[in-house]
Amino acid sequence: MSQSTSTPARWTPEQAHAWFKAQPWALGANFVPASAINQLAMWQADTFDAERIDLELGWAKDLGMNTMRVFLHDLLWAQDAAGFKQRIGQYLDIAERHGIATMFVLFDSCWDPEPKLGAQREPIPGVHNSGWVQSPSAAQLADRGTWPQLRAYVEDIVKTFAQDQRISYWDIWNEPDNQGGGMGYYQPREAKDKVALVAELIPQAFAWARAQNPIQPLTSGLWLGDNWAPDSPELNAVQKAQLECSDVVSFHDYNWPEKFESRIRQLQQYGRPLICTEYMARSLGSTFDIALPIAAREDVGMLNWGFVDGKSQTKMPWDSWLRPYTIHPPLVWFHDVLHTDGKPYREREAELLRQYGSRQR
């Protein structure tokens, strides 16, 4: 991506490595409190549950976690920018008390492309992440006339917190080239030419954030495909933009260890620090037991999907969109680490997290 004269330059690999080595090795989870079905429920004034957030982040600290990846939403800013930013500050105060840094996600292409403010629907029984919503919506993405408001959202949020040392990363866009999710359920409601639109918008979103001179690095994680090496013919326009714009390279991996190691090897070729911002799907072969030793050896930060079993229902596997687990629960939890009362799903996992949470580089 060409740099405008007014936009600061992307960090050099040397700057990125110096910053990365000065931070604790990132270990944590993607976080939404058990009381919230999605980002809107987490942050809206009527349902912002500071007490529950405090309780769960206390559990995270006890497990040795030091970083949480937390999703924001442009509609929350459009609804009440001042109130939204106040609640973000309140969240950061709580996280800081527990010694937890935060990676904020600005946009997300996963799940429901028609988000609506106000009371959020109840979970669909037995279905994985049945209330999660995209940001921006399909309608916003398809209408370039709405993009200036998206720009204002990014600029205001990043500018407000650009010097806040409690924030460790800005994740510009989660799985930007995802076609919705839900095993095809949301595909018919997606914007036409979604991937092309995102490929046009994501470099701009990086530039909007970078222009605020944040002290934190910018990233957006690869997730789709098998070959992410620099010379790969499989990289699409969105992935190329992610790799060209990210200060620290991030990625998602829910595979067996051999695939996880292969992806690390591919991404190490870019010469930048690595952080895996989603992993751990037990029935797919991605577990704490096998992923954490590899990541520690390669100095890859690790944030698993799912923390406390709650309204997101991500202990259910992805195929629950086709076969809801309404009669019997899955034989093995897909994601999530703790029961709603804080008890570990597997005590051995809790022991492993504490072991790696105390790791010194």
Protein backbone atom coordinates (compact mmCIF):
# COMPACT_ATOMS: atom_id res chain seq x y z
CA MET A 1 0.00 0.00 0.00
CA SER A 2 1.41 3.42 -0.87
CA GLN A 3 1.77 5.82 2.01
CA SER A 4 0.29 9.31 1.84
CA THR A 5 2.48 12.14 3.05
CA SER A 6 0.22 12.66 6.06
CA THR A 7 0.11 9.05 7.21
CA PRO A 8 2.94 7.77 9.43
CA ALA A 9 4.90 4.89 8.01
CA ARG A 10 4.24 1.28 8.93
CA TRP A 11 6.58 0.11 11.65
CA THR A 12 9.82 -1.43 10.45
CA PRO A 13 10.46 -5.07 11.37
CA GLU A 14 13.11 -3.82 13.81
CA GLN A 15 10.64 -1.50 15.53
CA ALA A 16 8.05 -4.28 15.71
CA HIS A 17 10.50 -6.78 17.22
CA ALA A 18 11.77 -4.25 19.76
CA TRP A 19 8.24 -3.49 20.86
CA PHE A 20 7.27 -7.18 20.94
CA LYS A 21 10.24 -8.18 23.07
CA ALA A 22 9.48 -5.42 25.57
CA GLN A 23 6.00 -6.90 26.23
CA PRO A 24 5.16 -9.99 28.24
CA TRP A 25 4.60 -13.07 26.08
CA ALA A 26 0.92 -12.66 25.19
CA LEU A 27 -1.28 -15.41 26.64
CA GLY A 28 -5.03 -15.02 26.90
CA ALA A 29 -8.38 -15.35 25.19
CA ASN A 30 -10.98 -13.64 23.08
CA PHE A 31 -13.29 -12.09 25.63
CA VAL A 32 -16.99 -11.44 25.89
CA PRO A 33 -18.59 -11.89 29.33
CA ALA A 34 -20.90 -14.86 29.76
CA SER A 35 -23.81 -12.45 30.24
CA ALA A 36 -23.47 -11.00 26.70
CA ILE A 37 -24.41 -12.71 23.45
CA ASN A 38 -22.36 -10.33 21.31
CA GLN A 39 -20.36 -7.09 21.14
CA LEU A 40 -23.46 -4.89 21.28
CA ALA A 41 -24.77 -6.54 24.43
CA MET A 42 -21.32 -6.30 26.02
CA TRP A 43 -20.99 -2.54 25.51
CA GLN A 44 -24.46 -0.94 25.40
CA ALA A 45 -25.26 1.10 28.49
CA ASP A 46 -28.25 -1.03 29.54
CA THR A 47 -26.33 -4.31 29.44
CA PHE A 48 -22.72 -3.33 30.21
CA ASP A 49 -21.98 -5.67 33.11
CA ALA A 50 -18.91 -4.28 34.91
CA GLU A 51 -19.39 -6.65 37.84
CA ARG A 52 -19.38 -9.73 35.62
CA ILE A 53 -16.41 -8.43 33.62
CA ASP A 54 -14.48 -7.88 36.83
CA LEU A 55 -15.30 -11.40 38.05
CA GLU A 56 -14.26 -13.08 34.81
CA LEU A 57 -11.06 -11.08 34.36
CA GLY A 58 -10.17 -12.09 37.91
CA TRP A 59 -10.50 -15.70 36.82
CA ALA A 60 -8.30 -14.94 33.80
CA LYS A 61 -5.61 -13.51 36.05
CA ASP A 62 -5.77 -16.64 38.23
CA LEU A 63 -5.14 -18.72 35.09
CA GLY A 64 -2.02 -16.74 34.22
CA MET A 65 -3.59 -14.86 31.33
CA ASN A 66 -2.24 -11.40 30.58
CA THR A 67 -4.02 -10.33 27.35
CA MET A 68 -7.63 -10.27 26.17
CA ARG A 69 -8.85 -9.66 22.63
CA VAL A 70 -12.06 -7.63 22.80
CA PHE A 71 -14.42 -6.64 19.97
CA LEU A 72 -15.80 -3.14 19.52
CA HIS A 73 -18.54 -2.06 17.06
CA ASP A 74 -19.06 1.01 14.90
CA LEU A 75 -22.79 1.22 15.74
CA LEU A 76 -21.95 1.65 19.43
CA TRP A 77 -19.89 4.71 18.54
CA ALA A 78 -22.60 6.07 16.23
CA GLN A 79 -25.21 5.59 18.97
CA ASP A 80 -23.32 7.26 21.84
CA ALA A 81 -19.65 7.97 21.21
CA ALA A 82 -19.00 9.61 24.57
CA GLY A 83 -20.76 6.89 26.54
CA PHE A 84 -19.08 4.15 24.53
CA LYS A 85 -15.63 5.60 25.15
CA GLN A 86 -16.43 6.00 28.83
CA ARG A 87 -17.33 2.31 29.07
CA ILE A 88 -14.16 1.38 27.17
CA GLY A 89 -12.22 3.32 29.79
CA GLN A 90 -14.12 1.53 32.54
CA TYR A 91 -13.27 -1.83 30.98
CA LEU A 92 -9.61 -0.87 30.73
CA ASP A 93 -9.61 0.15 34.41
CA ILE A 94 -10.96 -3.28 35.37
CA ALA A 95 -8.50 -5.11 33.12
CA GLU A 96 -5.58 -3.10 34.47
CA ARG A 97 -6.45 -4.05 38.04
CA HIS A 98 -6.05 -7.67 36.99
CA GLY A 99 -2.81 -7.08 35.10
CA ILE A 100 -4.45 -7.75 31.74
CA ALA A 101 -3.62 -5.90 28.52
CA THR A 102 -6.23 -5.50 25.80
CA MET A 103 -6.23 -5.98 22.04
CA PHE A 104 -9.21 -4.13 20.61
CA VAL A 105 -10.84 -5.28 17.36
CA LEU A 106 -12.40 -2.45 15.33
CA PHE A 107 -14.21 -4.32 12.53
CA ASP A 108 -15.41 -7.92 12.09
CA SER A 109 -16.74 -9.81 9.04
CA CYS A 110 -18.11 -12.82 10.95
CA TRP A 111 -21.69 -13.97 11.52
CA ASP A 112 -24.80 -11.77 11.27
CA PRO A 113 -24.36 -9.04 8.60
CA GLU A 114 -27.43 -7.13 9.80
CA PRO A 115 -26.57 -5.86 13.31
CA LYS A 116 -29.15 -3.80 15.16
CA LEU A 117 -28.78 -1.69 18.27
CA GLY A 118 -31.01 -2.18 21.30
CA ALA A 119 -32.04 -5.39 23.02
CA GLN A 120 -30.24 -8.35 21.47
CA ARG A 121 -31.95 -11.65 20.72
CA GLU A 122 -31.63 -14.65 22.99
CA PRO A 123 -29.31 -17.50 21.94
CA ILE A 124 -30.65 -20.13 19.56
CA PRO A 125 -30.63 -23.29 21.72
CA GLY A 126 -27.64 -25.51 21.08
CA VAL A 127 -26.08 -23.29 18.37
CA HIS A 128 -22.55 -21.88 18.30
CA ASN A 129 -22.27 -18.07 18.51
CA SER A 130 -25.84 -17.57 17.33
CA GLY A 131 -26.02 -13.86 18.12
CA TRP A 132 -22.64 -12.51 17.01
CA VAL A 133 -22.81 -9.59 14.58
CA GLN A 134 -20.62 -8.01 11.91
CA SER A 135 -19.18 -4.50 11.85
CA PRO A 136 -19.74 -2.81 9.48
CA SER A 137 -23.07 -4.21 8.35
CA ALA A 138 -23.57 -5.54 4.83
CA ALA A 139 -25.53 -2.41 3.97
CA GLN A 140 -22.76 -0.12 5.23
CA LEU A 141 -20.08 -2.06 3.44
CA ALA A 142 -21.97 -1.93 0.16
CA ASP A 143 -22.64 1.82 0.41
CA ARG A 144 -19.46 3.86 0.08
CA GLY A 145 -21.47 6.84 1.26
CA THR A 146 -21.33 5.37 4.79
CA TRP A 147 -17.55 4.96 4.77
CA PRO A 148 -16.82 8.49 6.07
CA GLN A 149 -18.71 7.58 9.24
CA LEU A 150 -16.65 4.39 9.55
CA ARG A 151 -13.57 6.56 9.17
CA ALA A 152 -14.79 8.89 11.92
CA TYR A 153 -15.35 5.90 14.22
CA VAL A 154 -11.85 4.51 13.68
CA GLU A 155 -10.19 7.90 14.00
CA ASP A 156 -12.02 8.86 17.19
CA ILE A 157 -11.58 5.54 19.00
CA VAL A 158 -7.90 5.17 18.09
CA LYS A 159 -7.11 8.84 18.76
CA THR A 160 -8.80 8.69 22.16
CA PHE A 161 -6.76 5.69 23.27
CA ALA A 162 -3.67 6.06 21.06
CA GLN A 163 -1.35 6.72 24.01
CA ASP A 164 -3.01 4.29 26.44
CA GLN A 165 -0.43 1.76 27.57
CA ARG A 166 -3.17 -0.61 28.76
CA ILE A 167 -3.90 -1.40 25.09
CA SER A 168 -1.41 -3.77 23.50
CA TYR A 169 -2.64 -3.95 19.87
CA TRP A 170 -5.22 -2.58 17.48
CA ASP A 171 -6.71 -5.42 15.42
CA ILE A 172 -8.16 -3.50 12.50
CA TRP A 173 -10.44 -6.19 11.06
CA ASN A 174 -11.29 -9.71 12.19
CA GLU A 175 -11.40 -12.29 9.37
CA PRO A 176 -12.16 -9.56 6.83
CA ASP A 177 -12.68 -11.96 3.92
CA ASN A 178 -15.04 -14.24 5.83
CA GLN A 179 -18.37 -14.78 4.06
CA GLY A 180 -20.38 -14.51 7.26
CA GLY A 181 -20.14 -17.91 8.88
CA GLY A 182 -22.86 -20.15 10.26
CA MET A 183 -22.05 -22.96 7.79
CA GLY A 184 -23.44 -20.81 4.97
CA TYR A 185 -26.45 -19.57 6.93
CA TYR A 186 -25.60 -15.89 6.51
CA GLN A 187 -24.25 -16.04 2.95
CA PRO A 188 -27.47 -14.89 1.20
CA ARG A 189 -27.53 -11.70 3.32
CA GLU A 190 -23.96 -10.66 2.64
CA ALA A 191 -23.01 -7.62 0.56
CA LYS A 192 -22.54 -8.38 -3.12
CA ASP A 193 -18.82 -8.51 -3.93
CA LYS A 194 -18.02 -8.41 -0.21
CA VAL A 195 -14.40 -9.50 -0.52
CA ALA A 196 -13.66 -6.90 -3.21
CA LEU A 197 -15.26 -4.18 -1.08
CA VAL A 198 -13.26 -5.23 1.96
CA ALA A 199 -10.07 -5.30 -0.12
CA GLU A 200 -10.76 -1.68 -1.01
CA LEU A 201 -11.65 -0.60 2.51
CA ILE A 202 -9.16 -2.39 4.74
CA PRO A 203 -6.04 -0.46 3.63
CA GLN A 204 -7.98 2.73 4.29
CA ALA A 205 -8.95 1.51 7.76
CA PHE A 206 -5.30 0.82 8.55
CA ALA A 207 -4.38 4.30 7.33
CA TRP A 208 -7.12 5.94 9.42
CA ALA A 209 -5.84 4.21 12.54
CA ARG A 210 -2.17 4.82 11.79
CA ALA A 211 -2.77 8.53 11.23
CA GLN A 212 -3.62 8.82 14.95
CA ASN A 213 0.00 7.92 15.80
CA PRO A 214 -0.87 5.11 18.24
CA ILE A 215 1.88 3.74 20.44
CA GLN A 216 0.42 0.27 19.81
CA PRO A 217 1.07 -1.81 16.69
CA LEU A 218 -1.64 -2.49 14.11
CA THR A 219 -2.58 -5.92 12.82
CA SER A 220 -5.26 -8.00 11.09
CA GLY A 221 -5.14 -11.77 11.19
CA LEU A 222 -5.00 -14.23 8.31
CA TRP A 223 -7.29 -17.23 8.69
CA LEU A 224 -8.25 -18.65 5.27
CA GLY A 225 -6.22 -20.94 3.02
CA ASP A 226 -3.24 -23.25 3.29
CA ASN A 227 -0.27 -21.27 1.98
CA TRP A 228 0.52 -17.84 3.42
CA ALA A 229 4.17 -17.69 2.35
CA PRO A 230 5.33 -14.47 0.64
CA ASP A 231 5.46 -16.14 -2.79
CA SER A 232 2.14 -17.97 -2.42
CA PRO A 233 -0.21 -17.72 -5.42
CA GLU A 234 -3.11 -18.42 -3.03
CA LEU A 235 -3.01 -15.03 -1.26
CA ASN A 236 -6.05 -12.93 -2.18
CA ALA A 237 -6.24 -9.13 -2.28
CA VAL A 238 -7.50 -8.89 1.30
CA GLN A 239 -4.71 -11.10 2.65
CA LYS A 240 -2.09 -9.15 0.74
CA ALA A 241 -3.40 -5.93 2.27
CA GLN A 242 -3.36 -7.47 5.75
CA LEU A 243 0.25 -8.54 5.35
CA GLU A 244 1.36 -5.27 3.76
CA CYS A 245 -0.25 -3.11 6.45
CA SER A 246 0.30 -5.06 9.69
CA ASP A 247 3.12 -4.06 12.05
CA VAL A 248 2.86 -7.40 13.86
CA VAL A 249 1.60 -10.37 11.83
CA SER A 250 -1.37 -12.17 13.35
CA PHE A 251 -3.28 -15.26 12.31
CA HIS A 252 -5.89 -17.82 13.30
CA ASP A 253 -5.36 -21.56 13.45
CA TYR A 254 -7.74 -24.31 14.59
CA ASN A 255 -5.80 -27.23 13.13
CA TRP A 256 -3.65 -30.18 14.09
CA PRO A 257 -0.15 -29.27 15.32
CA GLU A 258 1.58 -30.07 12.04
CA LYS A 259 -0.60 -27.48 10.23
CA PHE A 260 -0.08 -24.98 13.04
CA GLU A 261 3.69 -25.36 12.77
CA SER A 262 3.53 -25.07 8.98
CA ARG A 263 1.67 -21.77 9.22
CA ILE A 264 4.17 -20.41 11.70
CA ARG A 265 7.01 -21.31 9.31
CA GLN A 266 5.25 -19.57 6.43
CA LEU A 267 4.60 -16.39 8.40
CA GLN A 268 8.06 -16.23 9.93
CA GLN A 269 9.29 -15.45 6.41
CA TYR A 270 7.82 -11.95 6.73
CA GLY A 271 10.37 -11.14 9.43
CA ARG A 272 7.88 -9.73 11.92
CA PRO A 273 6.63 -10.84 15.35
CA LEU A 274 3.75 -13.31 15.32
CA ILE A 275 0.64 -13.63 17.44
CA CYS A 276 -2.08 -16.25 17.02
CA THR A 277 -5.27 -14.37 17.85
CA GLU A 278 -7.58 -17.38 17.60
CA TYR A 279 -6.94 -21.07 18.27
CA MET A 280 -8.19 -23.98 20.41
CA ALA A 281 -11.00 -26.09 18.99
CA ARG A 282 -10.64 -29.37 20.82
CA SER A 283 -12.49 -31.66 18.42
CA LEU A 284 -10.48 -30.33 15.46
CA GLY A 285 -7.16 -31.17 17.08
CA SER A 286 -6.25 -27.67 18.30
CA THR A 287 -5.71 -27.89 22.05
CA PHE A 288 -3.73 -26.15 24.76
CA ASP A 289 -1.73 -29.32 25.32
CA ILE A 290 -0.17 -29.33 21.86
CA ALA A 291 -0.36 -25.69 20.71
CA LEU A 292 1.21 -23.93 23.70
CA PRO A 293 4.53 -25.83 23.66
CA ILE A 294 4.96 -25.05 19.95
CA ALA A 295 4.06 -21.38 20.40
CA ALA A 296 6.38 -20.97 23.39
CA ARG A 297 9.26 -22.49 21.45
CA GLU A 298 8.64 -20.17 18.48
CA ASP A 299 7.75 -17.10 20.61
CA VAL A 300 4.27 -16.77 19.09
CA GLY A 301 1.68 -15.00 21.26
CA MET A 302 -1.47 -17.05 21.89
CA LEU A 303 -5.08 -15.93 22.39
CA ASN A 304 -7.65 -18.74 22.30
CA TRP A 305 -11.26 -18.34 21.23
CA GLY A 306 -13.73 -18.57 24.08
CA PHE A 307 -13.27 -18.03 27.78
CA VAL A 308 -16.33 -18.56 30.00
CA ASP A 309 -19.32 -20.65 28.89
CA GLY A 310 -22.19 -18.24 28.39
CA LYS A 311 -24.65 -16.77 25.91
CA SER A 312 -22.22 -17.08 23.00
CA GLN A 313 -22.46 -20.89 23.40
CA THR A 314 -19.10 -21.48 21.76
CA LYS A 315 -18.65 -24.76 23.59
CA MET A 316 -20.87 -25.96 20.73
CA PRO A 317 -19.01 -26.79 17.48
CA TRP A 318 -19.49 -24.92 14.21
CA ASP A 319 -21.63 -27.74 12.81
CA SER A 320 -24.28 -26.93 15.41
CA TRP A 321 -25.63 -24.51 12.78
CA LEU A 322 -26.64 -27.62 10.84
CA ARG A 323 -27.31 -29.93 13.80
CA PRO A 324 -28.14 -27.98 16.99
CA TYR A 325 -27.09 -29.69 20.21
CA THR A 326 -30.48 -29.35 21.89
CA ILE A 327 -30.87 -32.85 23.31
CA HIS A 328 -27.32 -33.88 24.17
CA PRO A 329 -24.31 -31.62 24.60
CA PRO A 330 -21.25 -32.20 22.40
CA LEU A 331 -19.02 -35.05 23.57
CA VAL A 332 -16.17 -32.53 23.89
CA TRP A 333 -16.45 -28.78 24.34
CA PHE A 334 -15.39 -27.00 21.16
CA HIS A 335 -14.14 -23.71 22.68
CA ASP A 336 -14.30 -22.12 26.16
CA VAL A 337 -12.13 -22.73 29.19
CA LEU A 338 -14.35 -22.25 32.23
CA HIS A 339 -17.87 -23.14 33.28
CA THR A 340 -20.17 -20.20 33.99
CA ASP A 341 -19.28 -20.44 37.69
CA GLY A 342 -15.55 -20.26 36.99
CA LYS A 343 -14.76 -23.96 37.37
CA PRO A 344 -12.29 -25.18 34.70
CA TYR A 345 -13.66 -27.46 32.00
CA ARG A 346 -10.41 -29.43 32.36
CA GLU A 347 -8.19 -28.89 35.37
CA ARG A 348 -5.16 -29.95 33.34
CA GLU A 349 -5.82 -27.06 30.94
CA ALA A 350 -5.89 -24.63 33.85
CA GLU A 351 -2.56 -26.03 35.05
CA LEU A 352 -1.04 -25.62 31.59
CA LEU A 353 -2.23 -22.04 31.29
CA ARG A 354 -0.74 -21.18 34.67
CA GLN A 355 2.49 -22.87 33.68
CA TYR A 356 2.81 -20.92 30.44
CA GLY A 357 1.44 -17.74 31.98
CA SER A 358 4.45 -17.66 34.27
CA ARG A 359 6.87 -18.22 31.36
CA GLN A 360 9.76 -15.82 31.10
CA ARG A 361 11.27 -15.11 27.70
